[in-house]
Amino acid sequence: MSIKTKAILAINKDASFVMLNDDLEQITWKNETTPISVADIEAKIAELPTEEEEATAKANAQASGNHKLLDLGLTQAEATALTGYTPPVAE
């Protein structure tokens, strides 16, 4: 999903639209969706996390969750079996 689509859905989770070539100037609003201005969409894009920020947040959440499972007394093998997360090998 493109950042532009994410921004539109962040503004209106029920928005129904078609956007040609990922171009904000080429949006057709469907099913009586109230149009959202390009300026509003661009402002929302600026607020959203980048793909890199999302990846970092996901990695941090995985590491934190893994640590919490270990704190509960699970072995790393058990935690990995539950979550699929394998911590990076320290060099």
PDB file of N, CA and C in Angstrom:
ATOM      1  N   MET A   1       0.857  -1.176   0.000  1.00  0.00           N
ATOM      2  CA  MET A   1       0.000   0.000   0.000  1.00  0.00           C
ATOM      3  C   MET A   1       0.899   1.233   0.000  1.00  0.00           C
ATOM      4  N   SER A   2       0.624   2.139  -0.888  1.00  0.00           N
ATOM      5  CA  SER A   2       1.458   3.340  -0.991  1.00  0.00           C
ATOM      6  C   SER A   2       1.209   4.277   0.192  1.00  0.00           C
ATOM      7  N   ILE A   3       2.174   5.144   0.445  1.00  0.00           N
ATOM      8  CA  ILE A   3       2.054   6.121   1.528  1.00  0.00           C
ATOM      9  C   ILE A   3       0.869   7.048   1.260  1.00  0.00           C
ATOM     10  N   LYS A   4       0.582   7.310  -0.004  1.00  0.00           N
ATOM     11  CA  LYS A   4      -0.552   8.181  -0.335  1.00  0.00           C
ATOM     12  C   LYS A   4      -1.873   7.508   0.029  1.00  0.00           C
ATOM     13  N   THR A   5      -1.978   6.229  -0.270  1.00  0.00           N
ATOM     14  CA  THR A   5      -3.174   5.478   0.093  1.00  0.00           C
ATOM     15  C   THR A   5      -3.306   5.395   1.608  1.00  0.00           C
ATOM     16  N   LYS A   6      -2.189   5.144   2.299  1.00  0.00           N
ATOM     17  CA  LYS A   6      -2.214   5.105   3.767  1.00  0.00           C
ATOM     18  C   LYS A   6      -2.698   6.430   4.331  1.00  0.00           C
ATOM     19  N   ALA A   7      -2.247   7.539   3.740  1.00  0.00           N
ATOM     20  CA  ALA A   7      -2.652   8.860   4.229  1.00  0.00           C
ATOM     21  C   ALA A   7      -4.151   9.071   4.043  1.00  0.00           C
ATOM     22  N   ILE A   8      -4.661   8.706   2.878  1.00  0.00           N
ATOM     23  CA  ILE A   8      -6.100   8.869   2.627  1.00  0.00           C
ATOM     24  C   ILE A   8      -6.901   8.054   3.635  1.00  0.00           C
ATOM     25  N   LEU A   9      -6.490   6.805   3.845  1.00  0.00           N
ATOM     26  CA  LEU A   9      -7.227   5.950   4.779  1.00  0.00           C
ATOM     27  C   LEU A   9      -7.036   6.374   6.233  1.00  0.00           C
ATOM     28  N   ALA A  10      -5.927   7.054   6.530  1.00  0.00           N
ATOM     29  CA  ALA A  10      -5.741   7.597   7.881  1.00  0.00           C
ATOM     30  C   ALA A  10      -6.704   8.758   8.130  1.00  0.00           C
ATOM     31  N   ILE A  11      -7.020   9.482   7.078  1.00  0.00           N
ATOM     32  CA  ILE A  11      -7.975  10.585   7.193  1.00  0.00           C
ATOM     33  C   ILE A  11      -9.407  10.048   7.243  1.00  0.00           C
ATOM     34  N   ASN A  12      -9.703   9.089   6.365  1.00  0.00           N
ATOM     35  CA  ASN A  12     -11.048   8.508   6.297  1.00  0.00           C
ATOM     36  C   ASN A  12     -10.902   7.011   6.053  1.00  0.00           C
ATOM     37  N   LYS A  13     -11.019   6.223   7.110  1.00  0.00           N
ATOM     38  CA  LYS A  13     -10.800   4.771   7.012  1.00  0.00           C
ATOM     39  C   LYS A  13     -11.787   4.091   6.075  1.00  0.00           C
ATOM     40  N   ASP A  14     -12.903   4.735   5.781  1.00  0.00           N
ATOM     41  CA  ASP A  14     -13.922   4.152   4.913  1.00  0.00           C
ATOM     42  C   ASP A  14     -13.879   4.714   3.488  1.00  0.00           C
ATOM     43  N   ALA A  15     -12.857   5.494   3.181  1.00  0.00           N
ATOM     44  CA  ALA A  15     -12.782   6.118   1.856  1.00  0.00           C
ATOM     45  C   ALA A  15     -12.756   5.057   0.768  1.00  0.00           C
ATOM     46  N   SER A  16     -13.491   5.335  -0.280  1.00  0.00           N
ATOM     47  CA  SER A  16     -13.527   4.454  -1.442  1.00  0.00           C
ATOM     48  C   SER A  16     -13.080   5.304  -2.630  1.00  0.00           C
ATOM     49  N   PHE A  17     -11.996   4.861  -3.279  1.00  0.00           N
ATOM     50  CA  PHE A  17     -11.425   5.695  -4.337  1.00  0.00           C
ATOM     51  C   PHE A  17     -10.555   4.865  -5.269  1.00  0.00           C
ATOM     52  N   VAL A  18     -10.286   5.449  -6.424  1.00  0.00           N
ATOM     53  CA  VAL A  18      -9.328   4.890  -7.369  1.00  0.00           C
ATOM     54  C   VAL A  18      -8.322   5.996  -7.647  1.00  0.00           C
ATOM     55  N   MET A  19      -7.036   5.666  -7.524  1.00  0.00           N
ATOM     56  CA  MET A  19      -5.982   6.644  -7.801  1.00  0.00           C
ATOM     57  C   MET A  19      -5.110   6.089  -8.919  1.00  0.00           C
ATOM     58  N   LEU A  20      -5.047   6.798 -10.015  1.00  0.00           N
ATOM     59  CA  LEU A  20      -4.252   6.363 -11.157  1.00  0.00           C
ATOM     60  C   LEU A  20      -2.780   6.733 -10.970  1.00  0.00           C
ATOM     61  N   ASN A  21      -1.910   5.783 -11.220  1.00  0.00           N
ATOM     62  CA  ASN A  21      -0.461   6.013 -11.197  1.00  0.00           C
ATOM     63  C   ASN A  21       0.043   6.624  -9.893  1.00  0.00           C
ATOM     64  N   ASP A  22      -0.634   6.341  -8.787  1.00  0.00           N
ATOM     65  CA  ASP A  22      -0.254   6.870  -7.485  1.00  0.00           C
ATOM     66  C   ASP A  22      -0.153   8.403  -7.507  1.00  0.00           C
ATOM     67  N   ASP A  23      -1.035   9.030  -8.271  1.00  0.00           N
ATOM     68  CA  ASP A  23      -1.029  10.478  -8.476  1.00  0.00           C
ATOM     69  C   ASP A  23      -2.218  11.100  -7.752  1.00  0.00           C
ATOM     70  N   LEU A  24      -1.938  11.966  -6.793  1.00  0.00           N
ATOM     71  CA  LEU A  24      -3.002  12.598  -6.007  1.00  0.00           C
ATOM     72  C   LEU A  24      -3.933  13.455  -6.859  1.00  0.00           C
ATOM     73  N   GLU A  25      -3.464  13.876  -8.025  1.00  0.00           N
ATOM     74  CA  GLU A  25      -4.301  14.681  -8.913  1.00  0.00           C
ATOM     75  C   GLU A  25      -5.234  13.804  -9.752  1.00  0.00           C
ATOM     76  N   GLN A  26      -5.065  12.480  -9.652  1.00  0.00           N
ATOM     77  CA  GLN A  26      -5.880  11.566 -10.457  1.00  0.00           C
ATOM     78  C   GLN A  26      -6.673  10.603  -9.567  1.00  0.00           C
ATOM     79  N   ILE A  27      -7.422  11.175  -8.629  1.00  0.00           N
ATOM     80  CA  ILE A  27      -8.252  10.366  -7.738  1.00  0.00           C
ATOM     81  C   ILE A  27      -9.708  10.499  -8.154  1.00  0.00           C
ATOM     82  N   THR A  28     -10.359   9.361  -8.264  1.00  0.00           N
ATOM     83  CA  THR A  28     -11.801   9.332  -8.468  1.00  0.00           C
ATOM     84  C   THR A  28     -12.404   8.792  -7.174  1.00  0.00           C
ATOM     85  N   TRP A  29     -13.241   9.593  -6.546  1.00  0.00           N
ATOM     86  CA  TRP A  29     -13.871   9.200  -5.288  1.00  0.00           C
ATOM     87  C   TRP A  29     -15.098   8.366  -5.600  1.00  0.00           C
ATOM     88  N   LYS A  30     -15.251   7.255  -4.909  1.00  0.00           N
ATOM     89  CA  LYS A  30     -16.333   6.301  -5.172  1.00  0.00           C
ATOM     90  C   LYS A  30     -17.288   6.226  -3.983  1.00  0.00           C
ATOM     91  N   ASN A  31     -18.464   5.665  -4.239  1.00  0.00           N
ATOM     92  CA  ASN A  31     -19.452   5.356  -3.198  1.00  0.00           C
ATOM     93  C   ASN A  31     -19.734   6.532  -2.267  1.00  0.00           C
ATOM     94  N   GLU A  32     -19.910   7.691  -2.858  1.00  0.00           N
ATOM     95  CA  GLU A  32     -20.276   8.899  -2.117  1.00  0.00           C
ATOM     96  C   GLU A  32     -19.232   9.322  -1.076  1.00  0.00           C
ATOM     97  N   THR A  33     -17.979   8.916  -1.258  1.00  0.00           N
ATOM     98  CA  THR A  33     -16.913   9.360  -0.360  1.00  0.00           C
ATOM     99  C   THR A  33     -16.703  10.857  -0.562  1.00  0.00           C
ATOM    100  N   THR A  34     -16.684  11.589   0.531  1.00  0.00           N
ATOM    101  CA  THR A  34     -16.410  13.021   0.456  1.00  0.00           C
ATOM    102  C   THR A  34     -14.952  13.209   0.028  1.00  0.00           C
ATOM    103  N   PRO A  35     -14.722  13.955  -1.047  1.00  0.00           N
ATOM    104  CA  PRO A  35     -13.344  14.155  -1.504  1.00  0.00           C
ATOM    105  C   PRO A  35     -12.466  14.796  -0.427  1.00  0.00           C
ATOM    106  N   ILE A  36     -11.214  14.393  -0.433  1.00  0.00           N
ATOM    107  CA  ILE A  36     -10.214  14.940   0.483  1.00  0.00           C
ATOM    108  C   ILE A  36      -9.255  15.758  -0.365  1.00  0.00           C
ATOM    109  N   SER A  37      -8.939  16.956   0.081  1.00  0.00           N
ATOM    110  CA  SER A  37      -8.070  17.824  -0.714  1.00  0.00           C
ATOM    111  C   SER A  37      -6.646  17.266  -0.775  1.00  0.00           C
ATOM    112  N   VAL A  38      -5.968  17.590  -1.863  1.00  0.00           N
ATOM    113  CA  VAL A  38      -4.573  17.177  -2.026  1.00  0.00           C
ATOM    114  C   VAL A  38      -3.738  17.737  -0.873  1.00  0.00           C
ATOM    115  N   ALA A  39      -3.999  18.967  -0.470  1.00  0.00           N
ATOM    116  CA  ALA A  39      -3.248  19.579   0.623  1.00  0.00           C
ATOM    117  C   ALA A  39      -3.420  18.797   1.928  1.00  0.00           C
ATOM    118  N   ASP A  40      -4.643  18.361   2.197  1.00  0.00           N
ATOM    119  CA  ASP A  40      -4.883  17.575   3.410  1.00  0.00           C
ATOM    120  C   ASP A  40      -4.173  16.224   3.351  1.00  0.00           C
ATOM    121  N   ILE A  41      -4.176  15.606   2.168  1.00  0.00           N
ATOM    122  CA  ILE A  41      -3.499  14.318   2.016  1.00  0.00           C
ATOM    123  C   ILE A  41      -1.998  14.494   2.194  1.00  0.00           C
ATOM    124  N   GLU A  42      -1.440  15.538   1.581  1.00  0.00           N
ATOM    125  CA  GLU A  42      -0.004  15.788   1.708  1.00  0.00           C
ATOM    126  C   GLU A  42       0.385  16.093   3.153  1.00  0.00           C
ATOM    127  N   ALA A  43      -0.464  16.811   3.866  1.00  0.00           N
ATOM    128  CA  ALA A  43      -0.190  17.106   5.284  1.00  0.00           C
ATOM    129  C   ALA A  43      -0.177  15.812   6.100  1.00  0.00           C
ATOM    130  N   LYS A  44      -1.105  14.891   5.795  1.00  0.00           N
ATOM    131  CA  LYS A  44      -1.158  13.618   6.517  1.00  0.00           C
ATOM    132  C   LYS A  44       0.061  12.770   6.184  1.00  0.00           C
ATOM    133  N   ILE A  45       0.506  12.793   4.917  1.00  0.00           N
ATOM    134  CA  ILE A  45       1.704  12.054   4.519  1.00  0.00           C
ATOM    135  C   ILE A  45       2.893  12.487   5.373  1.00  0.00           C
ATOM    136  N   ALA A  46       3.006  13.781   5.605  1.00  0.00           N
ATOM    137  CA  ALA A  46       4.119  14.309   6.400  1.00  0.00           C
ATOM    138  C   ALA A  46       4.074  13.818   7.844  1.00  0.00           C
ATOM    139  N   GLU A  47       2.890  13.494   8.342  1.00  0.00           N
ATOM    140  CA  GLU A  47       2.730  13.022   9.716  1.00  0.00           C
ATOM    141  C   GLU A  47       3.006  11.528   9.873  1.00  0.00           C
ATOM    142  N   LEU A  48       2.837  10.776   8.792  1.00  0.00           N
ATOM    143  CA  LEU A  48       2.965   9.321   8.870  1.00  0.00           C
ATOM    144  C   LEU A  48       4.424   8.892   8.965  1.00  0.00           C
ATOM    145  N   PRO A  49       4.673   7.768   9.636  1.00  0.00           N
ATOM    146  CA  PRO A  49       6.051   7.279   9.712  1.00  0.00           C
ATOM    147  C   PRO A  49       6.523   6.770   8.346  1.00  0.00           C
ATOM    148  N   THR A  50       7.828   6.899   8.111  1.00  0.00           N
ATOM    149  CA  THR A  50       8.407   6.379   6.880  1.00  0.00           C
ATOM    150  C   THR A  50       8.491   4.854   6.973  1.00  0.00           C
ATOM    151  N   GLU A  51       8.772   4.204   5.860  1.00  0.00           N
ATOM    152  CA  GLU A  51       8.928   2.744   5.866  1.00  0.00           C
ATOM    153  C   GLU A  51      10.069   2.347   6.801  1.00  0.00           C
ATOM    154  N   GLU A  52      11.125   3.128   6.810  1.00  0.00           N
ATOM    155  CA  GLU A  52      12.265   2.837   7.689  1.00  0.00           C
ATOM    156  C   GLU A  52      11.862   2.956   9.156  1.00  0.00           C
ATOM    157  N   GLU A  53      11.095   3.980   9.489  1.00  0.00           N
ATOM    158  CA  GLU A  53      10.626   4.147  10.869  1.00  0.00           C
ATOM    159  C   GLU A  53       9.697   3.003  11.266  1.00  0.00           C
ATOM    160  N   GLU A  54       8.840   2.564  10.351  1.00  0.00           N
ATOM    161  CA  GLU A  54       7.949   1.440  10.644  1.00  0.00           C
ATOM    162  C   GLU A  54       8.745   0.158  10.854  1.00  0.00           C
ATOM    163  N   ALA A  55       9.778  -0.058  10.032  1.00  0.00           N
ATOM    164  CA  ALA A  55      10.612  -1.256  10.171  1.00  0.00           C
ATOM    165  C   ALA A  55      11.361  -1.245  11.491  1.00  0.00           C
ATOM    166  N   THR A  56      11.876  -0.081  11.873  1.00  0.00           N
ATOM    167  CA  THR A  56      12.587   0.045  13.146  1.00  0.00           C
ATOM    168  C   THR A  56      11.640  -0.214  14.317  1.00  0.00           C
ATOM    169  N   ALA A  57      10.436   0.333  14.253  1.00  0.00           N
ATOM    170  CA  ALA A  57       9.457   0.128  15.325  1.00  0.00           C
ATOM    171  C   ALA A  57       9.084  -1.346  15.436  1.00  0.00           C
ATOM    172  N   LYS A  58       8.924  -2.016  14.291  1.00  0.00           N
ATOM    173  CA  LYS A  58       8.590  -3.436  14.309  1.00  0.00           C
ATOM    174  C   LYS A  58       9.719  -4.253  14.920  1.00  0.00           C
ATOM    175  N   ALA A  59      10.953  -3.961  14.532  1.00  0.00           N
ATOM    176  CA  ALA A  59      12.114  -4.682  15.075  1.00  0.00           C
ATOM    177  C   ALA A  59      12.228  -4.455  16.581  1.00  0.00           C
ATOM    178  N   ASN A  60      11.998  -3.227  17.019  1.00  0.00           N
ATOM    179  CA  ASN A  60      12.058  -2.924  18.448  1.00  0.00           C
ATOM    180  C   ASN A  60      10.965  -3.665  19.220  1.00  0.00           C
ATOM    181  N   ALA A  61       9.765  -3.735  18.646  1.00  0.00           N
ATOM    182  CA  ALA A  61       8.657  -4.436  19.307  1.00  0.00           C
ATOM    183  C   ALA A  61       8.952  -5.937  19.394  1.00  0.00           C
ATOM    184  N   GLN A  62       9.537  -6.493  18.342  1.00  0.00           N
ATOM    185  CA  GLN A  62       9.874  -7.917  18.369  1.00  0.00           C
ATOM    186  C   GLN A  62      10.924  -8.199  19.447  1.00  0.00           C
ATOM    187  N   ALA A  63      11.949  -7.376  19.507  1.00  0.00           N
ATOM    188  CA  ALA A  63      12.996  -7.581  20.502  1.00  0.00           C
ATOM    189  C   ALA A  63      12.446  -7.410  21.921  1.00  0.00           C
ATOM    190  N   SER A  64      11.599  -6.405  22.110  1.00  0.00           N
ATOM    191  CA  SER A  64      11.009  -6.163  23.421  1.00  0.00           C
ATOM    192  C   SER A  64      10.098  -7.319  23.843  1.00  0.00           C
ATOM    193  N   GLY A  65       9.264  -7.781  22.920  1.00  0.00           N
ATOM    194  CA  GLY A  65       8.382  -8.908  23.225  1.00  0.00           C
ATOM    195  C   GLY A  65       9.167 -10.165  23.550  1.00  0.00           C
ATOM    196  N   ASN A  66      10.234 -10.396  22.800  1.00  0.00           N
ATOM    197  CA  ASN A  66      11.084 -11.555  23.049  1.00  0.00           C
ATOM    198  C   ASN A  66      11.689 -11.469  24.454  1.00  0.00           C
ATOM    199  N   HIS A  67      12.186 -10.297  24.798  1.00  0.00           N
ATOM    200  CA  HIS A  67      12.798 -10.105  26.123  1.00  0.00           C
ATOM    201  C   HIS A  67      11.773 -10.357  27.238  1.00  0.00           C
ATOM    202  N   LYS A  68      10.552  -9.904  27.032  1.00  0.00           N
ATOM    203  CA  LYS A  68       9.511 -10.115  28.043  1.00  0.00           C
ATOM    204  C   LYS A  68       9.191 -11.597  28.217  1.00  0.00           C
ATOM    205  N   LEU A  69       9.172 -12.341  27.111  1.00  0.00           N
ATOM    206  CA  LEU A  69       8.938 -13.784  27.211  1.00  0.00           C
ATOM    207  C   LEU A  69      10.080 -14.463  27.972  1.00  0.00           C
ATOM    208  N   LEU A  70      11.303 -14.027  27.715  1.00  0.00           N
ATOM    209  CA  LEU A  70      12.445 -14.597  28.444  1.00  0.00           C
ATOM    210  C   LEU A  70      12.360 -14.251  29.930  1.00  0.00           C
ATOM    211  N   ASP A  71      11.914 -13.037  30.233  1.00  0.00           N
ATOM    212  CA  ASP A  71      11.739 -12.621  31.634  1.00  0.00           C
ATOM    213  C   ASP A  71      10.684 -13.470  32.343  1.00  0.00           C
ATOM    214  N   LEU A  72       9.731 -14.010  31.601  1.00  0.00           N
ATOM    215  CA  LEU A  72       8.703 -14.871  32.178  1.00  0.00           C
ATOM    216  C   LEU A  72       9.208 -16.293  32.425  1.00  0.00           C
ATOM    217  N   GLY A  73      10.415 -16.572  31.958  1.00  0.00           N
ATOM    218  CA  GLY A  73      11.007 -17.878  32.211  1.00  0.00           C
ATOM    219  C   GLY A  73      11.068 -18.800  31.009  1.00  0.00           C
ATOM    220  N   LEU A  74      10.615 -18.338  29.843  1.00  0.00           N
ATOM    221  CA  LEU A  74      10.720 -19.162  28.658  1.00  0.00           C
ATOM    222  C   LEU A  74      12.166 -19.203  28.188  1.00  0.00           C
ATOM    223  N   THR A  75      12.531 -20.293  27.536  1.00  0.00           N
ATOM    224  CA  THR A  75      13.843 -20.353  26.899  1.00  0.00           C
ATOM    225  C   THR A  75      13.744 -19.625  25.562  1.00  0.00           C
ATOM    226  N   GLN A  76      14.908 -19.307  24.984  1.00  0.00           N
ATOM    227  CA  GLN A  76      14.884 -18.644  23.679  1.00  0.00           C
ATOM    228  C   GLN A  76      14.231 -19.546  22.634  1.00  0.00           C
ATOM    229  N   ALA A  77      14.474 -20.839  22.724  1.00  0.00           N
ATOM    230  CA  ALA A  77      13.868 -21.778  21.772  1.00  0.00           C
ATOM    231  C   ALA A  77      12.341 -21.748  21.889  1.00  0.00           C
ATOM    232  N   GLU A  78      11.828 -21.670  23.111  1.00  0.00           N
ATOM    233  CA  GLU A  78      10.377 -21.615  23.309  1.00  0.00           C
ATOM    234  C   GLU A  78       9.802 -20.296  22.781  1.00  0.00           C
ATOM    235  N   ALA A  79      10.493 -19.197  23.082  1.00  0.00           N
ATOM    236  CA  ALA A  79      10.030 -17.884  22.615  1.00  0.00           C
ATOM    237  C   ALA A  79      10.021 -17.834  21.088  1.00  0.00           C
ATOM    238  N   THR A  80      11.049 -18.369  20.477  1.00  0.00           N
ATOM    239  CA  THR A  80      11.119 -18.390  19.010  1.00  0.00           C
ATOM    240  C   THR A  80      10.028 -19.283  18.433  1.00  0.00           C
ATOM    241  N   ALA A  81       9.760 -20.412  19.087  1.00  0.00           N
ATOM    242  CA  ALA A  81       8.707 -21.305  18.613  1.00  0.00           C
ATOM    243  C   ALA A  81       7.345 -20.610  18.654  1.00  0.00           C
ATOM    244  N   LEU A  82       7.120 -19.772  19.650  1.00  0.00           N
ATOM    245  CA  LEU A  82       5.846 -19.058  19.784  1.00  0.00           C
ATOM    246  C   LEU A  82       5.712 -17.906  18.799  1.00  0.00           C
ATOM    247  N   THR A  83       6.792 -17.175  18.610  1.00  0.00           N
ATOM    248  CA  THR A  83       6.703 -15.917  17.861  1.00  0.00           C
ATOM    249  C   THR A  83       7.347 -15.947  16.482  1.00  0.00           C
ATOM    250  N   GLY A  84       8.271 -16.866  16.287  1.00  0.00           N
ATOM    251  CA  GLY A  84       9.026 -16.883  15.031  1.00  0.00           C
ATOM    252  C   GLY A  84      10.200 -15.920  15.033  1.00  0.00           C
ATOM    253  N   TYR A  85      10.330 -15.145  16.089  1.00  0.00           N
ATOM    254  CA  TYR A  85      11.419 -14.158  16.186  1.00  0.00           C
ATOM    255  C   TYR A  85      12.688 -14.835  16.666  1.00  0.00           C
ATOM    256  N   THR A  86      13.791 -14.611  15.958  1.00  0.00           N
ATOM    257  CA  THR A  86      15.090 -15.078  16.382  1.00  0.00           C
ATOM    258  C   THR A  86      15.962 -13.849  16.562  1.00  0.00           C
ATOM    259  N   PRO A  87      16.506 -13.651  17.753  1.00  0.00           N
ATOM    260  CA  PRO A  87      17.315 -12.450  17.978  1.00  0.00           C
ATOM    261  C   PRO A  87      18.595 -12.513  17.137  1.00  0.00           C
ATOM    262  N   PRO A  88      19.087 -11.338  16.761  1.00  0.00           N
ATOM    263  CA  PRO A  88      20.330 -11.305  15.977  1.00  0.00           C
ATOM    264  C   PRO A  88      21.489 -11.864  16.806  1.00  0.00           C
ATOM    265  N   VAL A  89      22.432 -12.457  16.112  1.00  0.00           N
ATOM    266  CA  VAL A  89      23.607 -13.011  16.773  1.00  0.00           C
ATOM    267  C   VAL A  89      24.600 -11.890  17.039  1.00  0.00           C
ATOM    268  N   ALA A  90      25.036 -11.774  18.291  1.00  0.00           N
ATOM    269  CA  ALA A  90      26.027 -10.745  18.653  1.00  0.00           C
ATOM    270  C   ALA A  90      27.377 -11.147  18.086  1.00  0.00           C
ATOM    271  N   GLU A  91      28.084 -10.172  17.558  1.00  0.00           N
ATOM    272  CA  GLU A  91      29.413 -10.453  16.993  1.00  0.00           C
ATOM    273  C   GLU A  91      30.497 -10.119  17.971  1.00  0.00           C
TER     274      GLU A  91
END
